N, C-alpha and C. Protein backbone atom coordinates (compact mmCIF):
# COMPACT_ATOMS: atom_id res chain seq x y z
N UNK A 1 85.80 114.73 98.19
CA UNK A 1 84.63 114.02 97.69
C UNK A 1 83.60 113.86 98.80
N UNK A 2 82.34 114.06 98.46
CA UNK A 2 81.25 113.89 99.41
C UNK A 2 80.85 112.41 99.51
N UNK A 3 80.26 112.04 100.63
CA UNK A 3 79.84 110.66 100.85
C UNK A 3 78.85 110.21 99.78
N UNK A 4 77.93 111.08 99.41
CA UNK A 4 76.92 110.72 98.41
C UNK A 4 77.57 110.33 97.09
N UNK A 5 78.56 111.09 96.66
CA UNK A 5 79.27 110.78 95.43
C UNK A 5 80.06 109.48 95.56
N UNK A 6 80.67 109.29 96.73
CA UNK A 6 81.43 108.06 96.98
C UNK A 6 80.52 106.83 96.90
N UNK A 7 79.32 106.95 97.44
CA UNK A 7 78.37 105.83 97.38
C UNK A 7 78.03 105.47 95.94
N UNK A 8 77.82 106.48 95.13
CA UNK A 8 77.50 106.24 93.72
C UNK A 8 78.65 105.54 93.00
N UNK A 9 79.87 105.95 93.30
CA UNK A 9 81.04 105.35 92.67
C UNK A 9 81.22 103.89 93.11
N UNK A 10 81.03 103.63 94.40
CA UNK A 10 81.15 102.26 94.91
C UNK A 10 80.12 101.36 94.24
N UNK A 11 78.90 101.83 94.14
CA UNK A 11 77.85 101.04 93.49
C UNK A 11 78.19 100.79 92.02
N UNK A 12 78.62 101.83 91.32
CA UNK A 12 78.94 101.71 89.89
C UNK A 12 80.04 100.66 89.65
N UNK A 13 81.12 100.74 90.43
CA UNK A 13 82.23 99.81 90.24
C UNK A 13 81.85 98.40 90.66
N UNK A 14 81.08 98.27 91.72
CA UNK A 14 80.64 96.95 92.17
C UNK A 14 79.82 96.26 91.10
N UNK A 15 78.89 96.98 90.52
CA UNK A 15 78.05 96.38 89.48
C UNK A 15 78.83 96.11 88.20
N UNK A 16 79.77 96.99 87.89
CA UNK A 16 80.60 96.77 86.71
C UNK A 16 81.47 95.52 86.90
N UNK A 17 82.06 95.37 88.08
CA UNK A 17 82.90 94.20 88.36
C UNK A 17 82.08 92.91 88.30
N UNK A 18 80.85 92.97 88.80
CA UNK A 18 79.99 91.79 88.75
C UNK A 18 79.67 91.42 87.31
N UNK A 19 79.36 92.41 86.50
CA UNK A 19 79.03 92.15 85.09
C UNK A 19 80.24 91.62 84.33
N UNK A 20 81.43 92.01 84.75
CA UNK A 20 82.66 91.52 84.13
C UNK A 20 83.05 90.15 84.66
N UNK A 21 82.20 89.58 85.54
CA UNK A 21 82.40 88.25 86.12
C UNK A 21 83.66 88.16 86.97
N UNK A 22 83.98 89.27 87.64
CA UNK A 22 85.07 89.25 88.60
C UNK A 22 84.61 88.70 89.95
N UNK A 23 83.29 88.63 90.14
CA UNK A 23 82.71 88.07 91.36
C UNK A 23 81.54 87.18 90.97
N UNK A 24 81.23 86.22 91.82
CA UNK A 24 80.05 85.36 91.63
C UNK A 24 79.13 85.54 92.82
N UNK A 25 77.83 85.49 92.58
CA UNK A 25 76.89 85.64 93.69
C UNK A 25 77.06 86.98 94.37
N UNK A 26 77.26 86.93 95.69
CA UNK A 26 77.47 88.17 96.45
C UNK A 26 78.90 88.26 96.97
N UNK A 27 79.81 87.49 96.36
CA UNK A 27 81.21 87.52 96.81
C UNK A 27 81.88 88.82 96.38
N UNK A 28 83.06 89.07 96.93
CA UNK A 28 83.79 90.28 96.60
C UNK A 28 83.24 91.49 97.33
N UNK A 29 83.99 92.57 97.33
CA UNK A 29 83.55 93.81 97.98
C UNK A 29 84.39 94.97 97.48
N UNK A 30 83.78 96.14 97.51
CA UNK A 30 84.38 97.37 96.99
C UNK A 30 84.30 98.44 98.07
N UNK A 31 85.36 99.24 98.21
CA UNK A 31 85.29 100.32 99.20
C UNK A 31 86.10 101.52 98.77
N UNK A 32 85.79 102.64 99.39
CA UNK A 32 86.48 103.91 99.15
C UNK A 32 86.65 104.59 100.50
N UNK A 33 87.88 104.97 100.82
CA UNK A 33 88.17 105.60 102.11
C UNK A 33 88.30 107.10 101.96
N UNK A 34 87.48 107.84 102.70
CA UNK A 34 87.55 109.30 102.72
C UNK A 34 88.33 109.70 103.97
N UNK A 35 89.62 109.91 103.79
CA UNK A 35 90.54 110.09 104.91
C UNK A 35 90.15 111.26 105.82
N UNK A 36 89.85 112.39 105.24
CA UNK A 36 89.59 113.58 106.05
C UNK A 36 88.36 113.43 106.93
N UNK A 37 87.43 112.58 106.50
CA UNK A 37 86.21 112.38 107.28
C UNK A 37 86.24 111.11 108.11
N UNK A 38 87.32 110.32 107.98
CA UNK A 38 87.42 109.02 108.65
C UNK A 38 86.19 108.16 108.34
N UNK A 39 85.84 108.12 107.05
CA UNK A 39 84.68 107.33 106.64
C UNK A 39 85.07 106.36 105.52
N UNK A 40 84.62 105.12 105.66
CA UNK A 40 84.82 104.11 104.63
C UNK A 40 83.46 103.79 104.02
N UNK A 41 83.36 104.02 102.73
CA UNK A 41 82.13 103.72 101.99
C UNK A 41 82.34 102.34 101.37
N UNK A 42 81.48 101.38 101.70
CA UNK A 42 81.73 99.99 101.35
C UNK A 42 80.44 99.26 100.98
N UNK A 43 80.56 98.27 100.12
CA UNK A 43 79.38 97.48 99.74
C UNK A 43 78.84 96.74 100.95
N UNK A 44 77.53 96.51 100.99
CA UNK A 44 76.92 95.79 102.11
C UNK A 44 77.13 94.28 101.99
N UNK A 45 76.80 93.59 103.04
CA UNK A 45 76.96 92.13 103.07
C UNK A 45 75.77 91.42 102.44
N UNK A 46 76.07 90.46 101.56
CA UNK A 46 75.07 89.51 101.03
C UNK A 46 73.89 90.16 100.31
N UNK A 47 74.15 91.20 99.53
CA UNK A 47 73.12 91.85 98.74
C UNK A 47 73.43 91.61 97.26
N UNK A 48 72.45 91.18 96.50
CA UNK A 48 72.59 90.95 95.06
C UNK A 48 73.09 92.23 94.39
N UNK A 49 74.19 92.13 93.65
CA UNK A 49 74.78 93.32 93.04
C UNK A 49 73.85 94.01 92.06
N UNK A 50 73.09 93.23 91.31
CA UNK A 50 72.22 93.83 90.30
C UNK A 50 70.97 94.46 90.92
N UNK A 51 70.67 94.09 92.16
CA UNK A 51 69.54 94.69 92.87
C UNK A 51 69.99 95.81 93.82
N UNK A 52 71.28 95.94 94.02
CA UNK A 52 71.83 96.90 94.97
C UNK A 52 71.57 98.34 94.50
N UNK A 53 71.26 99.21 95.44
CA UNK A 53 71.03 100.62 95.15
C UNK A 53 72.00 101.47 95.97
N UNK A 54 72.04 102.75 95.67
CA UNK A 54 72.89 103.67 96.43
C UNK A 54 72.53 103.64 97.91
N UNK A 55 71.25 103.51 98.21
CA UNK A 55 70.80 103.50 99.60
C UNK A 55 71.30 102.29 100.37
N UNK A 56 71.65 101.22 99.67
CA UNK A 56 72.15 100.00 100.32
C UNK A 56 73.60 100.10 100.76
N UNK A 57 74.35 101.03 100.16
CA UNK A 57 75.78 101.13 100.44
C UNK A 57 76.02 101.56 101.89
N UNK A 58 76.96 100.91 102.54
CA UNK A 58 77.26 101.18 103.94
C UNK A 58 78.35 102.25 104.09
N UNK A 59 78.29 102.96 105.19
CA UNK A 59 79.34 103.92 105.56
C UNK A 59 79.74 103.59 106.99
N UNK A 60 81.04 103.34 107.19
CA UNK A 60 81.55 103.00 108.51
C UNK A 60 82.80 103.82 108.82
N UNK A 61 83.21 103.79 110.06
CA UNK A 61 84.49 104.39 110.44
C UNK A 61 85.59 103.34 110.30
N UNK A 62 86.84 103.77 110.46
CA UNK A 62 87.95 102.81 110.42
C UNK A 62 87.85 101.80 111.55
N UNK A 63 87.09 102.11 112.58
CA UNK A 63 86.93 101.20 113.71
C UNK A 63 85.73 100.28 113.53
N UNK A 64 85.00 100.47 112.42
CA UNK A 64 83.87 99.58 112.13
C UNK A 64 82.51 100.07 112.61
N UNK A 65 82.46 101.27 113.16
CA UNK A 65 81.17 101.81 113.59
C UNK A 65 80.31 102.14 112.36
N UNK A 66 79.08 101.64 112.34
CA UNK A 66 78.19 101.87 111.21
C UNK A 66 77.59 103.28 111.32
N UNK A 67 77.82 104.09 110.29
CA UNK A 67 77.31 105.46 110.27
C UNK A 67 76.08 105.59 109.38
N UNK A 68 76.06 104.84 108.28
CA UNK A 68 74.94 104.91 107.34
C UNK A 68 74.73 103.54 106.70
N UNK A 69 73.48 103.31 106.28
CA UNK A 69 73.17 102.09 105.55
C UNK A 69 72.24 101.18 106.32
N UNK A 70 71.26 100.56 105.65
CA UNK A 70 70.28 99.70 106.31
C UNK A 70 70.76 98.27 106.55
N UNK A 71 71.94 97.92 106.03
CA UNK A 71 72.44 96.55 106.14
C UNK A 71 73.79 96.53 106.86
N UNK A 72 74.22 95.33 107.20
CA UNK A 72 75.56 95.17 107.72
C UNK A 72 76.56 95.43 106.59
N UNK A 73 77.68 96.06 106.89
CA UNK A 73 78.69 96.24 105.85
C UNK A 73 79.29 94.89 105.47
N UNK A 74 79.98 94.83 104.37
CA UNK A 74 80.65 93.60 103.96
C UNK A 74 81.38 92.95 105.13
N UNK A 75 81.32 91.63 105.19
CA UNK A 75 82.01 90.91 106.27
C UNK A 75 83.53 91.10 106.19
N UNK A 76 84.01 91.58 105.06
CA UNK A 76 85.44 91.82 104.89
C UNK A 76 85.87 93.22 105.32
N UNK A 77 84.97 93.97 105.97
CA UNK A 77 85.33 95.34 106.35
C UNK A 77 86.60 95.40 107.22
N UNK A 78 86.87 94.41 108.10
CA UNK A 78 88.11 94.51 108.87
C UNK A 78 89.37 94.48 107.99
N UNK A 79 89.32 93.71 106.89
CA UNK A 79 90.44 93.69 105.97
C UNK A 79 90.62 95.06 105.32
N UNK A 80 89.53 95.64 104.85
CA UNK A 80 89.60 96.95 104.18
C UNK A 80 90.13 98.01 105.14
N UNK A 81 89.57 98.09 106.32
CA UNK A 81 89.97 99.16 107.24
C UNK A 81 91.40 98.99 107.71
N UNK A 82 91.84 97.74 107.88
CA UNK A 82 93.22 97.52 108.32
C UNK A 82 94.21 97.97 107.24
N UNK A 83 93.86 97.74 105.98
CA UNK A 83 94.71 98.19 104.88
C UNK A 83 94.74 99.72 104.84
N UNK A 84 93.59 100.34 104.99
CA UNK A 84 93.54 101.81 104.97
C UNK A 84 94.37 102.42 106.10
N UNK A 85 94.39 101.77 107.25
CA UNK A 85 95.18 102.28 108.37
C UNK A 85 96.67 102.33 108.02
N UNK A 86 97.10 101.42 107.17
CA UNK A 86 98.51 101.36 106.78
C UNK A 86 98.88 102.48 105.82
N UNK A 87 97.89 103.02 105.11
CA UNK A 87 98.19 104.04 104.09
C UNK A 87 97.96 105.46 104.59
N UNK A 88 97.03 105.63 105.53
CA UNK A 88 96.81 106.93 106.16
C UNK A 88 96.49 108.06 105.19
N UNK A 89 95.79 107.72 104.11
CA UNK A 89 95.29 108.73 103.19
C UNK A 89 94.17 108.09 102.37
N UNK A 90 93.51 108.87 101.56
CA UNK A 90 92.37 108.35 100.81
C UNK A 90 92.81 107.37 99.74
N UNK A 91 92.19 106.21 99.74
CA UNK A 91 92.45 105.17 98.76
C UNK A 91 91.16 104.41 98.47
N UNK A 92 91.22 103.56 97.44
CA UNK A 92 90.09 102.70 97.10
C UNK A 92 90.57 101.27 96.98
N UNK A 93 89.71 100.32 97.33
CA UNK A 93 90.04 98.90 97.27
C UNK A 93 88.98 98.13 96.49
N UNK A 94 89.44 97.21 95.66
CA UNK A 94 88.54 96.32 94.91
C UNK A 94 88.98 94.89 95.21
N UNK A 95 88.12 94.16 95.90
CA UNK A 95 88.40 92.76 96.25
C UNK A 95 87.49 91.87 95.41
N UNK A 96 88.10 90.99 94.61
CA UNK A 96 87.32 90.11 93.74
C UNK A 96 87.68 88.65 93.97
N UNK A 97 86.85 87.79 93.39
CA UNK A 97 87.13 86.35 93.34
C UNK A 97 87.23 85.94 91.88
N UNK A 98 87.86 86.76 91.06
CA UNK A 98 87.95 86.48 89.63
C UNK A 98 88.60 85.11 89.42
N UNK A 99 88.01 84.26 88.56
CA UNK A 99 88.37 82.84 88.52
C UNK A 99 89.81 82.49 88.16
N UNK A 100 90.37 83.10 87.13
CA UNK A 100 91.73 82.73 86.75
C UNK A 100 92.73 83.17 87.82
N UNK A 101 92.60 84.40 88.27
CA UNK A 101 93.51 84.90 89.30
C UNK A 101 93.36 84.11 90.60
N UNK A 102 92.13 83.79 90.97
CA UNK A 102 91.89 83.04 92.19
C UNK A 102 92.45 81.62 92.09
N UNK A 103 92.44 81.06 90.89
CA UNK A 103 93.03 79.73 90.69
C UNK A 103 94.51 79.75 91.07
N UNK A 104 95.23 80.81 90.67
CA UNK A 104 96.64 80.92 91.05
C UNK A 104 96.78 81.18 92.54
N UNK A 105 95.84 81.94 93.12
CA UNK A 105 95.86 82.18 94.56
C UNK A 105 95.68 80.89 95.33
N UNK A 106 94.81 80.02 94.83
CA UNK A 106 94.57 78.72 95.47
C UNK A 106 95.83 77.84 95.41
N UNK A 107 96.59 77.98 94.33
CA UNK A 107 97.83 77.21 94.17
C UNK A 107 99.02 77.88 94.86
N UNK A 108 98.81 79.10 95.36
CA UNK A 108 99.91 79.83 95.97
C UNK A 108 101.00 80.18 94.98
N UNK A 109 100.60 80.38 93.73
CA UNK A 109 101.57 80.61 92.66
C UNK A 109 101.55 82.06 92.18
N UNK A 110 102.70 82.70 92.20
CA UNK A 110 102.82 84.06 91.70
C UNK A 110 102.70 84.07 90.18
N UNK A 111 102.32 85.22 89.64
CA UNK A 111 102.24 85.39 88.19
C UNK A 111 103.36 86.33 87.78
N UNK A 112 104.32 85.84 87.00
CA UNK A 112 105.45 86.68 86.61
C UNK A 112 105.03 87.78 85.64
N UNK A 113 105.92 88.72 85.44
CA UNK A 113 105.63 89.83 84.52
C UNK A 113 105.79 89.33 83.08
N UNK A 114 104.66 88.96 82.47
CA UNK A 114 104.67 88.38 81.13
C UNK A 114 104.07 89.31 80.09
N UNK A 115 103.44 90.39 80.54
CA UNK A 115 102.76 91.32 79.63
C UNK A 115 103.25 92.75 79.89
N UNK A 116 103.35 93.54 78.84
CA UNK A 116 103.82 94.91 79.02
C UNK A 116 102.85 95.75 79.86
N UNK A 117 101.56 95.37 79.87
CA UNK A 117 100.57 96.13 80.64
C UNK A 117 100.74 95.95 82.15
N UNK A 118 101.41 94.88 82.55
CA UNK A 118 101.50 94.58 83.98
C UNK A 118 102.31 95.62 84.75
N UNK A 119 103.30 96.22 84.11
CA UNK A 119 104.12 97.22 84.80
C UNK A 119 103.32 98.47 85.16
N UNK A 120 102.67 99.13 84.20
CA UNK A 120 101.94 100.36 84.57
C UNK A 120 100.67 100.12 85.39
N UNK A 121 99.99 99.00 85.15
CA UNK A 121 98.69 98.81 85.79
C UNK A 121 98.74 97.97 87.06
N UNK A 122 99.82 97.23 87.27
CA UNK A 122 99.94 96.40 88.47
C UNK A 122 101.21 96.72 89.24
N UNK A 123 102.26 97.08 88.51
CA UNK A 123 103.53 97.39 89.15
C UNK A 123 104.59 96.34 88.89
N UNK A 124 104.22 95.31 88.13
CA UNK A 124 105.16 94.24 87.83
C UNK A 124 104.51 92.89 88.00
N UNK A 125 105.26 91.94 88.54
CA UNK A 125 104.70 90.60 88.74
C UNK A 125 103.66 90.65 89.86
N UNK A 126 102.89 89.57 89.95
CA UNK A 126 101.78 89.53 90.91
C UNK A 126 102.12 88.58 92.04
N UNK A 127 102.24 89.12 93.24
CA UNK A 127 102.62 88.35 94.42
C UNK A 127 101.39 87.73 95.08
N UNK A 128 101.67 86.76 95.97
CA UNK A 128 100.60 86.11 96.74
C UNK A 128 100.77 86.47 98.21
N UNK A 129 99.79 87.17 98.77
CA UNK A 129 99.82 87.48 100.20
C UNK A 129 99.50 86.21 100.99
N UNK A 130 100.09 86.04 102.17
CA UNK A 130 99.86 84.83 102.96
C UNK A 130 98.40 84.63 103.34
N UNK A 131 98.04 83.40 103.64
CA UNK A 131 96.67 83.09 104.02
C UNK A 131 96.35 83.64 105.40
N UNK A 132 95.14 84.16 105.53
CA UNK A 132 94.56 84.54 106.82
C UNK A 132 93.05 84.37 106.68
N UNK A 133 92.35 84.12 107.77
CA UNK A 133 90.91 83.88 107.69
C UNK A 133 90.15 85.05 107.07
N UNK A 134 89.14 84.71 106.28
CA UNK A 134 88.29 85.75 105.69
C UNK A 134 87.60 86.54 106.78
N UNK A 135 87.44 87.83 106.55
CA UNK A 135 86.76 88.68 107.51
C UNK A 135 87.58 89.04 108.74
N UNK A 136 88.89 88.79 108.69
CA UNK A 136 89.73 89.03 109.87
C UNK A 136 90.60 90.27 109.70
N UNK A 137 90.98 90.84 110.82
CA UNK A 137 91.95 91.94 110.82
C UNK A 137 93.28 91.44 110.30
N UNK A 138 93.61 90.21 110.64
CA UNK A 138 94.88 89.61 110.22
C UNK A 138 95.02 89.60 108.70
N UNK A 139 93.91 89.35 108.00
CA UNK A 139 93.95 89.34 106.54
C UNK A 139 94.38 90.70 106.01
N UNK A 140 93.90 91.75 106.62
CA UNK A 140 94.33 93.10 106.23
C UNK A 140 95.79 93.33 106.53
N UNK A 141 96.24 92.85 107.68
CA UNK A 141 97.64 93.05 108.09
C UNK A 141 98.61 92.35 107.14
N UNK A 142 98.28 91.11 106.72
CA UNK A 142 99.21 90.39 105.85
C UNK A 142 99.13 90.86 104.40
N UNK A 143 98.02 91.50 104.04
CA UNK A 143 97.85 91.96 102.65
C UNK A 143 98.46 93.33 102.41
N UNK A 144 98.36 94.23 103.38
CA UNK A 144 98.80 95.62 103.20
C UNK A 144 100.21 95.76 102.64
N UNK A 145 101.21 95.01 103.13
CA UNK A 145 102.57 95.19 102.59
C UNK A 145 102.67 94.92 101.10
N UNK A 146 101.86 94.01 100.58
CA UNK A 146 101.90 93.66 99.16
C UNK A 146 101.29 94.77 98.31
N UNK A 147 100.47 95.60 98.90
CA UNK A 147 99.85 96.70 98.16
C UNK A 147 100.69 97.96 98.23
N UNK A 148 101.75 97.94 99.00
CA UNK A 148 102.70 99.05 99.00
C UNK A 148 103.71 98.88 97.88
N UNK A 149 103.93 97.63 97.48
CA UNK A 149 104.88 97.33 96.41
C UNK A 149 104.20 97.21 95.04
N UNK A 150 102.93 96.89 95.05
CA UNK A 150 102.19 96.65 93.82
C UNK A 150 100.80 97.28 93.93
N UNK A 151 100.12 97.41 92.78
CA UNK A 151 98.76 97.93 92.78
C UNK A 151 97.73 96.82 92.93
N UNK A 152 98.20 95.57 92.94
CA UNK A 152 97.30 94.43 93.09
C UNK A 152 98.09 93.22 93.56
N UNK A 153 97.39 92.31 94.23
CA UNK A 153 98.02 91.07 94.66
C UNK A 153 96.98 89.98 94.75
N UNK A 154 97.45 88.75 94.91
CA UNK A 154 96.57 87.62 95.15
C UNK A 154 96.47 87.39 96.65
N UNK A 155 95.33 86.89 97.09
CA UNK A 155 95.12 86.51 98.49
C UNK A 155 95.08 84.99 98.53
N UNK A 156 96.02 84.38 99.22
CA UNK A 156 96.13 82.92 99.22
C UNK A 156 94.81 82.24 99.54
N UNK A 157 94.42 81.29 98.68
CA UNK A 157 93.19 80.50 98.86
C UNK A 157 91.94 81.36 99.01
N UNK A 158 91.95 82.53 98.37
CA UNK A 158 90.83 83.45 98.60
C UNK A 158 90.41 84.22 97.35
N UNK A 159 91.29 85.07 96.83
CA UNK A 159 90.89 85.90 95.69
C UNK A 159 91.95 86.93 95.38
N UNK A 160 91.51 88.15 95.08
CA UNK A 160 92.44 89.22 94.70
C UNK A 160 92.13 90.50 95.46
N UNK A 161 93.12 91.38 95.51
CA UNK A 161 92.91 92.72 96.05
C UNK A 161 93.67 93.72 95.19
N UNK A 162 92.98 94.79 94.80
CA UNK A 162 93.61 95.86 94.03
C UNK A 162 93.39 97.18 94.75
N UNK A 163 94.37 98.08 94.63
CA UNK A 163 94.30 99.35 95.32
C UNK A 163 94.56 100.49 94.33
N UNK A 164 93.99 101.64 94.60
CA UNK A 164 94.22 102.81 93.76
C UNK A 164 93.91 104.08 94.51
N UNK A 165 94.35 105.20 93.96
CA UNK A 165 94.03 106.50 94.56
C UNK A 165 92.57 106.84 94.36
N UNK A 166 91.92 106.12 93.43
CA UNK A 166 90.49 106.26 93.22
C UNK A 166 89.95 104.91 92.77
N UNK A 167 88.64 104.79 92.71
CA UNK A 167 88.04 103.51 92.37
C UNK A 167 88.30 103.09 90.93
N UNK A 168 88.36 104.03 90.03
CA UNK A 168 88.61 103.70 88.63
C UNK A 168 89.95 103.02 88.45
N UNK A 169 90.99 103.55 89.10
CA UNK A 169 92.32 102.96 88.95
C UNK A 169 92.42 101.62 89.67
N UNK A 170 91.77 101.49 90.82
CA UNK A 170 91.78 100.20 91.52
C UNK A 170 91.05 99.15 90.69
N UNK A 171 89.96 99.55 90.07
CA UNK A 171 89.19 98.62 89.25
C UNK A 171 89.98 98.17 88.02
N UNK A 172 90.63 99.10 87.35
CA UNK A 172 91.37 98.73 86.14
C UNK A 172 92.53 97.81 86.48
N UNK A 173 93.12 97.98 87.66
CA UNK A 173 94.18 97.06 88.08
C UNK A 173 93.62 95.66 88.28
N UNK A 174 92.40 95.57 88.81
CA UNK A 174 91.80 94.25 89.00
C UNK A 174 91.48 93.59 87.66
N UNK A 175 91.14 94.39 86.66
CA UNK A 175 90.88 93.87 85.32
C UNK A 175 92.16 93.32 84.71
N UNK A 176 93.25 94.08 84.81
CA UNK A 176 94.51 93.63 84.24
C UNK A 176 95.09 92.44 85.01
N UNK A 177 94.81 92.36 86.30
CA UNK A 177 95.25 91.21 87.08
C UNK A 177 94.60 89.93 86.54
N UNK A 178 93.29 89.97 86.36
CA UNK A 178 92.59 88.79 85.84
C UNK A 178 93.02 88.47 84.41
N UNK A 179 93.24 89.50 83.62
CA UNK A 179 93.67 89.29 82.24
C UNK A 179 95.04 88.61 82.21
N UNK A 180 95.96 89.07 83.06
CA UNK A 180 97.29 88.47 83.12
C UNK A 180 97.22 87.02 83.58
N UNK A 181 96.36 86.75 84.56
CA UNK A 181 96.21 85.38 85.05
C UNK A 181 95.65 84.47 83.97
N UNK A 182 94.68 84.96 83.22
CA UNK A 182 94.09 84.15 82.15
C UNK A 182 95.12 83.85 81.05
N UNK A 183 95.84 84.87 80.63
CA UNK A 183 96.83 84.68 79.56
C UNK A 183 97.97 83.77 80.04
N UNK A 184 98.38 83.94 81.29
CA UNK A 184 99.44 83.09 81.84
C UNK A 184 99.00 81.63 81.88
N UNK A 185 97.74 81.40 82.27
CA UNK A 185 97.22 80.03 82.30
C UNK A 185 97.19 79.44 80.90
N UNK A 186 96.72 80.22 79.92
CA UNK A 186 96.70 79.75 78.53
C UNK A 186 98.11 79.47 78.03
N UNK A 187 99.04 80.40 78.33
CA UNK A 187 100.41 80.26 77.85
C UNK A 187 101.08 79.01 78.42
N UNK A 188 100.81 78.73 79.71
CA UNK A 188 101.40 77.55 80.33
C UNK A 188 100.85 76.26 79.72
N UNK A 189 99.64 76.33 79.18
CA UNK A 189 99.03 75.12 78.60
C UNK A 189 99.57 74.82 77.21
N UNK A 190 100.18 75.79 76.54
CA UNK A 190 100.67 75.58 75.17
C UNK A 190 102.19 75.63 75.06
N UNK A 191 102.87 76.06 76.10
CA UNK A 191 104.32 76.14 76.02
C UNK A 191 104.92 76.71 77.28
N UNK A 192 106.10 77.28 77.16
CA UNK A 192 106.79 77.88 78.30
C UNK A 192 106.73 79.40 78.20
N UNK A 193 105.97 80.04 79.10
CA UNK A 193 105.86 81.51 79.04
C UNK A 193 107.21 82.19 79.21
N UNK A 194 107.42 83.24 78.45
CA UNK A 194 108.65 84.03 78.54
C UNK A 194 108.39 85.23 79.44
N UNK A 195 109.18 85.33 80.48
CA UNK A 195 109.03 86.44 81.43
C UNK A 195 109.75 87.66 80.87
N UNK A 196 109.12 88.81 80.95
CA UNK A 196 109.67 90.01 80.33
C UNK A 196 111.05 90.37 80.86
N UNK A 197 111.29 90.22 82.14
CA UNK A 197 112.60 90.56 82.69
C UNK A 197 113.68 89.67 82.09
N UNK A 198 113.34 88.40 81.82
CA UNK A 198 114.28 87.48 81.19
C UNK A 198 114.52 87.87 79.74
N UNK A 199 113.44 88.26 79.07
CA UNK A 199 113.52 88.68 77.67
C UNK A 199 114.40 89.91 77.51
N UNK A 200 114.36 90.80 78.53
CA UNK A 200 115.15 92.03 78.47
C UNK A 200 116.57 91.82 78.97
N UNK A 201 116.80 90.63 79.49
CA UNK A 201 118.14 90.32 79.99
C UNK A 201 118.43 90.91 81.35
N UNK A 202 117.39 91.18 82.15
CA UNK A 202 117.60 91.77 83.47
C UNK A 202 117.93 90.68 84.49
């Protein structure tokens, strides 16, 4: 994939995620790693998603060197690049502050496998990665292991992170993560949710 195409995809997914209310204001960030070129295409810092253009999208190296873009890259770029270093191949990341999922992240509460969609789109139950400061390398280090076991996880007191071989798959995992969190919250308010593994007798 060429950088120009990657920029278009990052912009498209970022704006779609914003319209789906997975982020508020300028929170959240989207990136795509082009392994062969050692380039990370990532949303810029503090730019209105609906006003963002392809020209605004940043391109950096895994070390954070700015290669393209008129703005600073997302302040979360150290988290993104640290995760990519752990995978050593092309991947995409979608970081959101979706409200239901983030509520569970704030409580440090995992979301059990309660929906059949969670297995194919997330990998099972939703774990909570330990807390680390926003914008830090440490946040990437503590999050990466959870993305090797699952396609998405919660970030303690922060938000969510989803990973995929492309942006479309990472984005759909973030959608199903928020959907599972919303349904789990509703289910807990009306009764006792049944976990699928328990239902199957595992």
